[in-house]
Amino acid sequence: MTAGSRSLSRTGRLAHWTTRRWLRVGAGAALAVLAVLGGVGLWATNRASAITSDLVGTRSPALSNAIRLEAALVNQETGIRGYGLTGDRTFLEPYRLGVNAEKAAVERLNELLVDDAAGRADLDVVLTRAVSWQQSIAVPVSRAPAGAPVALATERAGQAKVAFDRLRQALARQQAHLGAARVDAVTGLGRAEDVRNGVFTAIALVIVLLAAAVFEGLRRGVNEPLRRLASDADHVTRGDFHHHIASSGPADLRTLGDGMESMRSRLADELATSEARRRLLGEQAVELKRSNEELEQFAYIASHDLQEPLRKVSSFSQLLQRRYGDQLDDRARQYIGYAVDGANRMQILINDLLAFSRIGRVHDAVESVDLDALVDATLESLSISIEETGALVTRDDLPIVTGDTTQLGMLWQNLVANAVKFRHPDRAPEVSIEVARENGVWRFAVTDNGIGIDPQYADRIFVIFQRLHPKDRYPGTGIGLAMCKKIVEHHGGNIALEPADGPGTRIAFTLPCQELGT
């Protein structure tokens, strides 16, 4: 594998790294570096502390006590020499003080040099030579009678000088070694402090570099990609849906950019589709307007030109029956009756179709409608059929709604008329009108005790021209409930066949509760 391919391979692997992974790896590396430097700094600090403790607790006290030991021995030698020359016991006082000082210094040196073999060796040499001098000179002289010069001191003056000089050499060597050890400790402490200070300086520098690296990494890897992404998104939000959204940075930011680009592309496609649909809707609106104009023209023709021939057929057929009825046989009179009935039913059908087509187109006022007064008017218009059938109509207090008075009148006219028309032959019609407010709508129900409707025809009954009974038994055009459905839906409600508690039919529908102007 060449260097270039290895570089590409590494770049490819790093391309899958997310922001979280970059931060995790960067934080891990930074913590590792800081941990190593911290370990070195801790070691240097402990090293400096140990050297300081050795210097303060051992080296300096050892040198001081070595000097005290030398002073104690010198005091002993001075006192013995003075006593030997004069025999005056006052000279033995420095000797006794020196002996006590020697014991204290030796005891302290034994404690301080317990782990220092070289120091103990020097101390042993000093003590050996001190004991030799003391046993040969100091002790015998100090025990001689006072009052006159000690002859033994004069006799051994030369020996005493040689012995004490050797002791001085041992003391000098001991102090030189302890002084050198102290100098080494001071030098080691300086080096340890330099290392410690250097490590802490390096830690501070690494922290500064890491902060700079994190700042720069976030700027290049996060802030810049997000800034470019926000800029591209801003172009799109201002309406430039063809502006490409580029993705850059870590894998998760690229995924976000790709998602936004995909969304922009879909929005652009949807916008193009919506624009095409808008143009199509515009064309369809023009076509619908033309179709409505033709429908208006057809309605005019149906209401005038088509009904006029029907009226003539019906009128002349009835005139023919009256004038020549005694000359016609039963078959001829039956044919004339068929013609008159067909013309009348055709005229009724045309009128119903006209009324159905005008819903929402001709009568479409928006006003407050008092349903109590409207239903009273409806019952008044149906009073003849209600009286003939002995129907009983009960109702709740009805609210005031917003809508078209003519259309709502047609709605109640059809519902109540159907309840009376489709009565059961064995009982008088009973019609109940109920109302309740539910979830922001008025819910109405018209229930009768008539012949009922099979639930399987629940949807069919609201389709125009869909009849469930023959014309000779229940007259009508099959438009009534279809007209009711169209009126209710035009007013923003729903209508449906519901199961009745007893025999008969229950038609329920809803109307909005809003008042006029809300």
Protein backbone atom coordinates (compact mmCIF):
# COMPACT_ATOMS: atom_id res chain seq x y z
CA MET A 1 0.00 0.00 0.00
CA THR A 2 1.39 3.40 -0.99
CA ALA A 3 1.56 6.44 1.25
CA GLY A 4 -1.23 8.13 -0.73
CA SER A 5 -3.57 5.15 -0.40
CA ARG A 6 -2.81 4.91 3.32
CA SER A 7 -3.66 8.61 3.70
CA LEU A 8 -6.93 8.16 1.83
CA SER A 9 -7.74 5.14 3.97
CA ARG A 10 -7.18 7.11 7.15
CA THR A 11 -9.23 10.01 5.81
CA GLY A 12 -12.02 7.61 4.91
CA ARG A 13 -12.06 6.19 8.41
CA LEU A 14 -11.99 9.63 10.02
CA ALA A 15 -14.83 10.75 7.74
CA HIS A 16 -17.20 8.52 9.71
CA TRP A 17 -16.30 10.17 13.02
CA THR A 18 -19.09 12.18 14.62
CA THR A 19 -18.72 15.32 16.71
CA ARG A 20 -19.16 13.28 19.86
CA ARG A 21 -16.44 10.87 18.84
CA TRP A 22 -14.04 13.72 17.96
CA LEU A 23 -14.70 15.30 21.34
CA ARG A 24 -14.35 11.96 23.11
CA VAL A 25 -11.04 11.15 21.43
CA GLY A 26 -9.73 14.69 21.90
CA ALA A 27 -10.72 14.75 25.56
CA GLY A 28 -9.20 11.30 26.07
CA ALA A 29 -5.91 12.32 24.48
CA ALA A 30 -5.81 15.55 26.48
CA LEU A 31 -6.52 13.68 29.70
CA ALA A 32 -3.83 11.12 28.87
CA VAL A 33 -1.23 13.84 28.26
CA LEU A 34 -2.26 15.69 31.40
CA ALA A 35 -2.19 12.43 33.38
CA VAL A 36 1.40 11.72 32.24
CA LEU A 37 2.51 15.26 33.00
CA GLY A 38 0.63 15.17 36.28
CA GLY A 39 2.36 11.91 37.20
CA VAL A 40 5.74 13.40 36.41
CA GLY A 41 4.83 16.54 38.37
CA LEU A 42 3.69 14.44 41.32
CA TRP A 43 6.93 12.47 41.19
CA ALA A 44 8.98 15.68 41.07
CA THR A 45 6.96 17.18 43.93
CA ASN A 46 7.40 14.06 46.04
CA ARG A 47 11.08 13.97 45.14
CA ALA A 48 11.52 17.59 46.21
CA SER A 49 9.56 16.94 49.40
CA ALA A 50 11.66 13.87 50.20
CA ILE A 51 14.93 15.74 49.63
CA THR A 52 13.67 18.68 51.67
CA SER A 53 12.65 16.35 54.46
CA ASP A 54 16.06 14.60 54.34
CA LEU A 55 17.87 17.94 54.26
CA VAL A 56 15.88 19.51 57.07
CA GLY A 57 15.38 16.40 59.15
CA THR A 58 18.70 14.58 58.70
CA ARG A 59 21.56 16.30 56.85
CA SER A 60 21.50 19.69 58.51
CA PRO A 61 20.83 18.32 62.04
CA ALA A 62 23.58 15.71 61.55
CA LEU A 63 26.13 18.36 60.57
CA SER A 64 25.04 20.57 63.49
CA ASN A 65 25.37 17.73 65.98
CA ALA A 66 28.78 16.79 64.53
CA ILE A 67 29.87 20.37 65.21
CA ARG A 68 28.40 20.14 68.72
CA LEU A 69 30.28 16.86 69.24
CA GLU A 70 33.52 18.54 68.20
CA ALA A 71 32.85 21.45 70.56
CA ALA A 72 32.11 19.05 73.43
CA LEU A 73 35.37 17.16 72.84
CA VAL A 74 37.34 20.42 72.54
CA ASN A 75 35.82 21.57 75.85
CA GLN A 76 36.89 18.28 77.40
CA GLU A 77 40.43 18.65 76.08
CA THR A 78 40.63 22.28 77.30
CA GLY A 79 39.40 21.39 80.76
CA ILE A 80 41.75 18.39 81.15
CA ARG A 81 44.75 20.36 79.90
CA GLY A 82 44.03 23.23 82.33
CA TYR A 83 43.50 20.88 85.25
CA GLY A 84 46.69 18.98 84.43
CA LEU A 85 48.74 22.19 84.41
CA THR A 86 47.25 23.79 87.54
CA GLY A 87 45.48 21.14 89.56
CA ASP A 88 42.56 23.59 89.91
CA ARG A 89 39.27 21.68 89.93
CA THR A 90 37.37 24.59 88.35
CA PHE A 91 38.97 23.46 85.06
CA LEU A 92 37.10 20.13 85.38
CA GLU A 93 33.72 21.91 85.00
CA PRO A 94 34.15 22.39 81.19
CA TYR A 95 35.27 18.77 81.05
CA ARG A 96 32.09 17.50 82.77
CA LEU A 97 29.88 19.74 80.61
CA GLY A 98 31.69 18.48 77.51
CA VAL A 99 31.09 14.87 78.55
CA ASN A 100 27.34 15.51 78.90
CA ALA A 101 27.23 17.43 75.61
CA GLU A 102 29.12 14.59 73.93
CA LYS A 103 26.56 12.04 75.12
CA ALA A 104 23.67 14.16 73.82
CA ALA A 105 25.31 14.78 70.45
CA VAL A 106 26.25 11.10 70.02
CA GLU A 107 22.73 9.97 70.93
CA ARG A 108 21.22 12.39 68.38
CA LEU A 109 23.72 11.38 65.68
CA ASN A 110 22.88 7.71 66.25
CA GLU A 111 19.21 8.56 65.59
CA LEU A 112 19.96 10.67 62.50
CA LEU A 113 22.49 8.30 60.91
CA VAL A 114 20.54 5.08 61.42
CA ASP A 115 20.18 4.63 57.65
CA ASP A 116 23.52 6.24 56.67
CA ALA A 117 26.26 3.57 56.71
CA ALA A 118 29.02 6.02 55.73
CA GLY A 119 27.96 8.46 58.40
CA ARG A 120 27.85 5.77 61.03
CA ALA A 121 31.33 4.61 59.99
CA ASP A 122 32.67 8.16 60.42
CA LEU A 123 30.92 8.39 63.80
CA ASP A 124 32.40 5.07 64.89
CA VAL A 125 35.91 6.30 63.99
CA VAL A 126 35.33 9.53 65.95
CA LEU A 127 33.98 7.66 68.97
CA THR A 128 36.82 5.12 68.87
CA ARG A 129 39.45 7.83 68.85
CA ALA A 130 37.57 9.84 71.49
CA VAL A 131 37.38 6.82 73.79
CA SER A 132 41.06 6.12 73.19
CA TRP A 133 42.00 9.71 74.14
CA GLN A 134 39.64 9.74 77.11
CA GLN A 135 40.86 6.42 78.52
CA SER A 136 44.52 7.20 78.04
CA ILE A 137 44.54 10.88 79.01
CA ALA A 138 41.27 12.48 80.15
CA VAL A 139 40.04 9.94 82.69
CA PRO A 140 43.37 9.36 84.46
CA VAL A 141 44.10 13.10 84.64
CA SER A 142 40.63 13.96 85.92
CA ARG A 143 41.03 11.46 88.77
CA ALA A 144 44.38 12.83 89.97
CA PRO A 145 44.40 14.78 93.28
CA ALA A 146 43.80 18.49 93.08
CA GLY A 147 45.93 21.26 94.46
CA ALA A 148 49.07 20.75 92.38
CA PRO A 149 49.91 20.17 88.71
CA VAL A 150 49.23 16.63 87.59
CA ALA A 151 52.48 14.82 86.79
CA LEU A 152 50.69 12.36 84.51
CA ALA A 153 49.53 15.23 82.31
CA THR A 154 53.07 16.42 81.90
CA GLU A 155 54.37 12.95 81.18
CA ARG A 156 51.74 12.23 78.54
CA ALA A 157 51.54 15.65 77.03
CA GLY A 158 52.99 14.51 73.73
CA GLN A 159 50.81 11.40 73.58
CA ALA A 160 47.74 13.50 74.42
CA LYS A 161 48.48 15.95 71.58
CA VAL A 162 48.91 13.13 69.06
CA ALA A 163 45.69 11.36 70.20
CA PHE A 164 43.61 14.50 70.14
CA ASP A 165 44.99 15.58 66.75
CA ARG A 166 43.90 12.20 65.36
CA LEU A 167 40.49 12.80 66.96
CA ARG A 168 40.34 16.22 65.34
CA GLN A 169 41.13 14.67 61.95
CA ALA A 170 38.29 12.15 62.41
CA LEU A 171 35.92 14.98 63.38
CA ALA A 172 37.02 17.04 60.39
CA ARG A 173 36.53 14.08 58.07
CA GLN A 174 33.06 13.42 59.56
CA GLN A 175 32.02 17.06 59.17
CA ALA A 176 33.42 17.16 55.64
CA HIS A 177 31.38 14.08 54.66
CA LEU A 178 28.22 15.40 56.35
CA GLY A 179 28.74 18.81 54.75
CA ALA A 180 29.21 17.22 51.33
CA ALA A 181 26.06 15.15 51.84
CA ARG A 182 24.18 18.30 52.77
CA VAL A 183 25.51 20.11 49.68
CA ASP A 184 24.42 17.14 47.53
CA ALA A 185 20.98 17.26 49.13
CA VAL A 186 20.71 20.99 48.43
CA THR A 187 21.82 20.44 44.82
CA GLY A 188 19.32 17.55 44.42
CA LEU A 189 16.57 19.71 45.89
CA GLY A 190 17.36 22.44 43.37
CA ARG A 191 17.23 19.96 40.50
CA ALA A 192 13.96 18.44 41.79
CA GLU A 193 12.42 21.88 42.10
CA ASP A 194 13.57 22.73 38.59
CA VAL A 195 11.97 19.52 37.30
CA ARG A 196 8.78 20.21 39.25
CA ASN A 197 8.56 23.80 38.03
CA GLY A 198 9.29 22.67 34.48
CA VAL A 199 6.57 20.03 34.64
CA PHE A 200 4.00 22.47 36.00
CA THR A 201 5.03 24.98 33.35
CA ALA A 202 4.57 22.26 30.72
CA ILE A 203 1.15 21.40 32.18
CA ALA A 204 0.12 25.06 31.99
CA LEU A 205 1.42 25.28 28.43
CA VAL A 206 -0.36 22.06 27.45
CA ILE A 207 -3.61 23.38 28.95
CA VAL A 208 -3.26 26.60 26.97
CA LEU A 209 -2.47 24.65 23.78
CA LEU A 210 -5.37 22.28 24.40
CA ALA A 211 -7.73 25.21 24.92
CA ALA A 212 -6.49 26.79 21.70
CA ALA A 213 -6.78 23.44 19.88
CA VAL A 214 -10.31 22.86 21.21
CA PHE A 215 -11.34 26.39 20.23
CA GLU A 216 -9.88 26.04 16.74
CA GLY A 217 -11.27 22.52 16.34
CA LEU A 218 -14.75 23.64 17.36
CA ARG A 219 -14.49 26.64 15.06
CA ARG A 220 -13.42 24.61 12.05
CA GLY A 221 -15.26 21.38 12.76
CA VAL A 222 -18.52 22.66 14.24
CA ASN A 223 -19.01 26.42 14.05
CA GLU A 224 -17.99 26.86 10.41
CA PRO A 225 -20.09 23.90 9.12
CA LEU A 226 -23.06 25.11 11.19
CA ARG A 227 -22.59 28.67 9.92
CA ARG A 228 -22.53 27.47 6.30
CA LEU A 229 -25.51 25.23 6.98
CA ALA A 230 -27.44 28.11 8.56
CA SER A 231 -26.56 30.37 5.63
CA ASP A 232 -27.77 27.81 3.10
CA ALA A 233 -30.93 27.20 5.15
CA ASP A 234 -31.53 30.96 5.29
CA HIS A 235 -31.45 31.12 1.48
CA VAL A 236 -34.07 28.37 1.38
CA THR A 237 -36.29 30.01 4.02
CA ARG A 238 -36.25 33.24 1.97
CA GLY A 239 -37.79 31.32 -0.89
CA ASP A 240 -34.76 30.17 -2.90
CA PHE A 241 -35.76 26.50 -2.93
CA HIS A 242 -33.23 25.73 -5.67
CA HIS A 243 -30.27 26.78 -3.49
CA HIS A 244 -28.17 23.69 -2.78
CA ILE A 245 -27.48 22.94 0.93
CA ALA A 246 -23.88 21.71 1.21
CA SER A 247 -22.80 19.40 4.03
CA SER A 248 -19.40 19.47 5.75
CA GLY A 249 -17.77 18.80 9.08
CA PRO A 250 -18.09 15.64 11.21
CA ALA A 251 -20.33 12.77 10.18
CA ASP A 252 -23.34 13.84 12.25
CA LEU A 253 -23.27 17.38 10.88
CA ARG A 254 -22.94 16.01 7.35
CA THR A 255 -25.90 13.75 8.05
CA LEU A 256 -27.86 16.79 9.24
CA GLY A 257 -26.86 18.72 6.13
CA ASP A 258 -27.79 15.80 3.87
CA GLY A 259 -31.15 15.53 5.63
CA MET A 260 -31.81 19.24 5.14
CA GLU A 261 -30.76 18.99 1.50
CA SER A 262 -33.08 16.03 1.03
CA MET A 263 -35.88 18.01 2.68
CA ARG A 264 -35.11 21.02 0.46
CA SER A 265 -35.17 18.81 -2.60
CA ARG A 266 -38.50 17.32 -1.59
CA LEU A 267 -39.86 20.78 -0.85
CA ALA A 268 -38.68 21.99 -4.25
CA ASP A 269 -40.33 18.98 -5.90
CA GLU A 270 -43.50 19.50 -3.87
CA LEU A 271 -43.46 23.20 -4.75
CA ALA A 272 -43.12 22.39 -8.42
CA THR A 273 -45.91 19.83 -8.09
CA SER A 274 -48.04 22.32 -6.14
CA GLU A 275 -47.42 24.97 -8.77
CA ALA A 276 -48.47 22.54 -11.47
CA ARG A 277 -51.53 21.61 -9.45
CA ARG A 278 -52.29 25.29 -8.87
CA ARG A 279 -52.19 25.92 -12.57
CA LEU A 280 -54.37 22.85 -13.10
CA LEU A 281 -56.77 24.05 -10.39
CA GLY A 282 -56.88 27.45 -12.06
CA GLU A 283 -57.77 25.81 -15.33
CA GLN A 284 -60.31 23.62 -13.55
CA ALA A 285 -61.73 26.68 -11.79
CA VAL A 286 -62.23 28.35 -15.15
CA GLU A 287 -63.80 25.15 -16.45
CA LEU A 288 -65.95 24.87 -13.31
CA LYS A 289 -67.07 28.46 -13.70
CA ARG A 290 -68.03 27.74 -17.27
CA SER A 291 -69.79 24.55 -16.16
CA ASN A 292 -71.66 26.45 -13.44
CA GLU A 293 -72.74 29.02 -15.97
CA GLU A 294 -73.99 26.20 -18.17
CA LEU A 295 -75.69 24.69 -15.10
CA GLU A 296 -77.36 28.02 -14.40
CA GLN A 297 -78.48 28.09 -18.00
CA PHE A 298 -79.73 24.51 -17.70
CA ALA A 299 -81.54 25.37 -14.48
CA TYR A 300 -83.25 28.25 -16.25
CA ILE A 301 -84.21 25.98 -19.14
CA ALA A 302 -85.41 23.28 -16.74
CA SER A 303 -87.47 25.73 -14.73
CA HIS A 304 -89.06 27.34 -17.79
CA ASP A 305 -88.63 25.57 -21.11
CA LEU A 306 -88.86 21.96 -19.81
CA GLN A 307 -91.78 22.52 -17.46
CA GLU A 308 -93.88 24.36 -20.01
CA PRO A 309 -94.30 21.28 -22.32
CA LEU A 310 -95.04 19.15 -19.26
CA ARG A 311 -97.74 21.54 -18.16
CA LYS A 312 -99.20 21.43 -21.68
CA VAL A 313 -99.13 17.64 -21.75
CA SER A 314 -100.84 17.47 -18.37
CA SER A 315 -103.38 20.21 -19.20
CA PHE A 316 -104.38 18.93 -22.63
CA SER A 317 -104.53 15.35 -21.39
CA GLN A 318 -106.92 16.39 -18.62
CA LEU A 319 -108.91 18.54 -21.12
CA LEU A 320 -109.10 15.58 -23.51
CA GLN A 321 -110.38 13.38 -20.68
CA ARG A 322 -113.08 15.87 -19.67
CA ARG A 323 -114.32 16.65 -23.18
CA TYR A 324 -114.20 13.19 -24.72
CA GLY A 325 -114.32 11.06 -21.59
CA ASP A 326 -117.79 9.63 -22.45
CA GLN A 327 -116.51 8.57 -25.86
CA LEU A 328 -113.41 6.79 -24.56
CA ASP A 329 -113.24 3.29 -23.24
CA ASP A 330 -111.56 2.36 -19.94
CA ARG A 331 -108.24 1.57 -21.62
CA ALA A 332 -108.06 5.07 -23.21
CA ARG A 333 -108.94 6.77 -19.93
CA GLN A 334 -106.23 4.68 -18.21
CA TYR A 335 -103.64 5.77 -20.78
CA ILE A 336 -104.62 9.41 -20.31
CA GLY A 337 -104.22 8.98 -16.54
CA TYR A 338 -100.75 7.51 -17.07
CA ALA A 339 -99.77 10.52 -19.20
CA VAL A 340 -101.04 13.02 -16.63
CA ASP A 341 -99.35 11.20 -13.74
CA GLY A 342 -96.07 10.91 -15.64
CA ALA A 343 -96.08 14.61 -16.49
CA ASN A 344 -96.83 15.56 -12.89
CA ARG A 345 -94.09 13.30 -11.49
CA MET A 346 -91.62 14.64 -14.07
CA GLN A 347 -92.48 18.18 -13.00
CA ILE A 348 -91.96 17.28 -9.31
CA LEU A 349 -88.65 15.59 -10.13
CA ILE A 350 -87.44 18.67 -12.07
CA ASN A 351 -88.37 20.93 -9.15
CA ASP A 352 -86.54 18.65 -6.68
CA LEU A 353 -83.44 18.54 -8.88
CA LEU A 354 -83.49 22.32 -9.12
CA ALA A 355 -83.73 22.61 -5.35
CA PHE A 356 -80.89 20.11 -4.90
CA SER A 357 -78.60 21.96 -7.34
CA ARG A 358 -79.30 25.34 -5.72
CA ILE A 359 -78.05 24.27 -2.26
CA GLY A 360 -74.97 26.35 -1.49
CA ARG A 361 -75.26 28.14 -4.80
CA VAL A 362 -78.45 30.18 -4.88
CA HIS A 363 -79.58 30.15 -1.25
CA ASP A 364 -76.43 30.70 0.80
CA ALA A 365 -77.09 33.45 3.30
CA VAL A 366 -75.24 33.52 6.63
CA GLU A 367 -77.51 34.70 9.41
CA SER A 368 -78.80 33.77 12.83
CA VAL A 369 -81.62 31.25 12.52
CA ASP A 370 -84.08 30.58 15.37
CA LEU A 371 -84.74 26.87 14.96
CA ASP A 372 -87.75 27.00 17.29
CA ALA A 373 -89.51 29.42 14.94
CA LEU A 374 -88.25 27.58 11.87
CA VAL A 375 -89.55 24.18 13.06
CA ASP A 376 -92.87 25.77 14.03
CA ALA A 377 -93.18 27.08 10.48
CA THR A 378 -92.26 23.66 9.11
CA LEU A 379 -94.88 21.91 11.23
CA GLU A 380 -97.42 24.49 10.10
CA SER A 381 -96.67 23.75 6.44
CA LEU A 382 -97.10 20.00 7.16
CA SER A 383 -100.20 20.47 9.28
CA ILE A 384 -102.53 18.78 6.78
CA SER A 385 -100.53 15.54 6.55
CA ILE A 386 -99.92 15.61 10.32
CA GLU A 387 -103.66 16.01 10.95
CA GLU A 388 -104.66 13.33 8.43
CA THR A 389 -102.27 10.75 9.89
CA GLY A 390 -102.85 11.72 13.52
CA ALA A 391 -99.14 12.26 14.00
CA LEU A 392 -97.77 13.45 17.34
CA VAL A 393 -94.66 15.66 17.13
CA THR A 394 -92.69 16.47 20.29
CA ARG A 395 -89.50 18.46 20.50
CA ASP A 396 -86.95 20.02 22.81
CA ASP A 397 -86.28 23.72 23.00
CA LEU A 398 -84.14 24.35 19.94
CA PRO A 399 -81.17 26.75 19.81
CA ILE A 400 -80.28 29.62 17.54
CA VAL A 401 -77.68 28.64 14.92
CA THR A 402 -75.87 30.34 12.08
CA GLY A 403 -76.79 29.39 8.54
CA ASP A 404 -79.20 29.84 5.65
CA THR A 405 -82.86 29.96 6.66
CA THR A 406 -84.15 28.51 3.37
CA GLN A 407 -81.77 25.55 3.39
CA LEU A 408 -82.37 24.75 7.07
CA GLY A 409 -86.12 24.97 6.42
CA MET A 410 -85.77 22.43 3.60
CA LEU A 411 -83.75 20.20 6.00
CA TRP A 412 -86.49 20.12 8.66
CA GLN A 413 -89.21 19.86 6.01
CA ASN A 414 -87.69 16.70 4.56
CA LEU A 415 -86.88 15.04 7.91
CA VAL A 416 -90.31 15.60 9.48
CA ALA A 417 -92.16 14.82 6.21
CA ASN A 418 -90.26 11.51 5.88
CA ALA A 419 -91.04 10.62 9.51
CA VAL A 420 -94.75 11.13 8.83
CA LYS A 421 -94.77 9.58 5.33
CA PHE A 422 -92.96 6.32 6.21
CA ARG A 423 -95.36 5.51 9.06
CA HIS A 424 -96.33 2.03 10.17
CA PRO A 425 -99.84 1.01 9.04
CA ASP A 426 -100.78 -0.29 12.51
CA ARG A 427 -99.94 2.83 14.58
CA ALA A 428 -100.15 6.58 14.44
CA PRO A 429 -96.85 8.38 13.73
CA GLU A 430 -94.87 9.69 16.70
CA VAL A 431 -92.01 12.04 15.90
CA SER A 432 -89.47 13.24 18.50
CA ILE A 433 -87.00 16.07 17.93
CA GLU A 434 -84.09 16.15 20.40
CA VAL A 435 -81.06 18.39 20.79
CA ALA A 436 -77.94 18.38 22.98
CA ARG A 437 -74.67 20.28 23.02
CA GLU A 438 -71.59 18.03 22.66
CA ASN A 439 -67.94 19.06 22.13
CA GLY A 440 -68.71 22.45 20.61
CA VAL A 441 -71.53 21.31 18.28
CA TRP A 442 -75.29 20.99 18.47
CA ARG A 443 -76.38 17.39 18.05
CA PHE A 444 -79.94 16.97 16.72
CA ALA A 445 -81.95 13.75 16.37
CA VAL A 446 -85.27 13.12 14.63
CA THR A 447 -86.79 9.81 15.78
CA ASP A 448 -90.04 8.19 14.59
CA ASN A 449 -91.91 4.94 15.19
CA GLY A 450 -92.43 4.15 11.52
CA ILE A 451 -91.37 1.24 9.33
CA GLY A 452 -87.64 1.83 10.02
CA ILE A 453 -84.59 1.37 7.80
CA ASP A 454 -82.37 -1.70 7.68
CA PRO A 455 -78.85 -0.71 8.93
CA GLN A 456 -77.29 -2.20 5.80
CA TYR A 457 -78.80 0.72 3.87
CA ALA A 458 -77.34 3.37 6.24
CA ASP A 459 -75.14 4.90 3.52
CA ARG A 460 -77.39 4.24 0.56
CA ILE A 461 -80.31 6.32 1.83
CA PHE A 462 -78.28 9.55 1.54
CA VAL A 463 -77.46 8.96 -2.15
CA ILE A 464 -79.59 10.79 -4.70
CA PHE A 465 -82.32 8.73 -6.40
CA GLN A 466 -81.71 5.75 -4.08
CA ARG A 467 -85.16 4.46 -3.09
CA LEU A 468 -85.88 1.56 -0.73
CA HIS A 469 -89.62 1.29 -1.50
CA PRO A 470 -91.73 1.24 -4.69
CA LYS A 471 -93.22 4.49 -5.97
CA ASP A 472 -96.81 3.28 -5.86
CA ARG A 473 -96.54 2.63 -2.10
CA TYR A 474 -94.47 5.62 -0.96
CA PRO A 475 -94.43 8.46 -3.52
CA GLY A 476 -91.37 10.64 -3.93
CA THR A 477 -88.27 11.22 -6.04
CA GLY A 478 -85.56 9.77 -3.74
CA ILE A 479 -83.84 13.12 -3.36
CA GLY A 480 -84.99 14.16 0.14
CA LEU A 481 -82.28 12.62 2.34
CA ALA A 482 -79.59 13.37 -0.25
CA MET A 483 -80.68 17.01 -0.03
CA CYS A 484 -80.52 16.82 3.79
CA LYS A 485 -76.97 15.47 3.65
CA LYS A 486 -75.88 18.22 1.28
CA ILE A 487 -77.44 20.94 3.47
CA VAL A 488 -75.90 19.63 6.70
CA GLU A 489 -72.43 19.21 5.20
CA HIS A 490 -72.63 22.67 3.61
CA HIS A 491 -73.21 24.05 7.12
CA GLY A 492 -70.16 22.20 8.50
CA GLY A 493 -71.95 19.25 10.12
CA ASN A 494 -72.49 15.52 9.63
CA ILE A 495 -75.62 13.40 9.24
CA ALA A 496 -76.08 9.68 9.77
CA LEU A 497 -78.58 6.91 10.48
CA GLU A 498 -78.39 5.80 14.12
CA PRO A 499 -79.93 2.76 15.84
CA ALA A 500 -83.30 3.65 17.38
CA ASP A 501 -84.26 2.60 20.89
CA GLY A 502 -87.47 1.05 19.56
CA PRO A 503 -89.17 0.48 16.19
CA GLY A 504 -88.72 3.21 13.62
CA THR A 505 -85.94 5.41 12.31
CA ARG A 506 -83.49 7.78 14.02
CA ILE A 507 -81.68 10.37 11.88
CA ALA A 508 -79.01 12.38 13.73
CA PHE A 509 -77.04 15.38 12.48
CA THR A 510 -74.77 18.09 13.87
CA LEU A 511 -74.44 21.84 13.34
CA PRO A 512 -71.67 24.15 14.66
CA CYS A 513 -72.34 26.15 17.83
CA GLN A 514 -70.67 29.37 16.77
CA GLU A 515 -72.69 32.52 16.91
CA LEU A 516 -72.89 34.99 14.05
CA GLY A 517 -69.68 37.04 13.86
CA THR A 518 -67.50 34.61 15.90
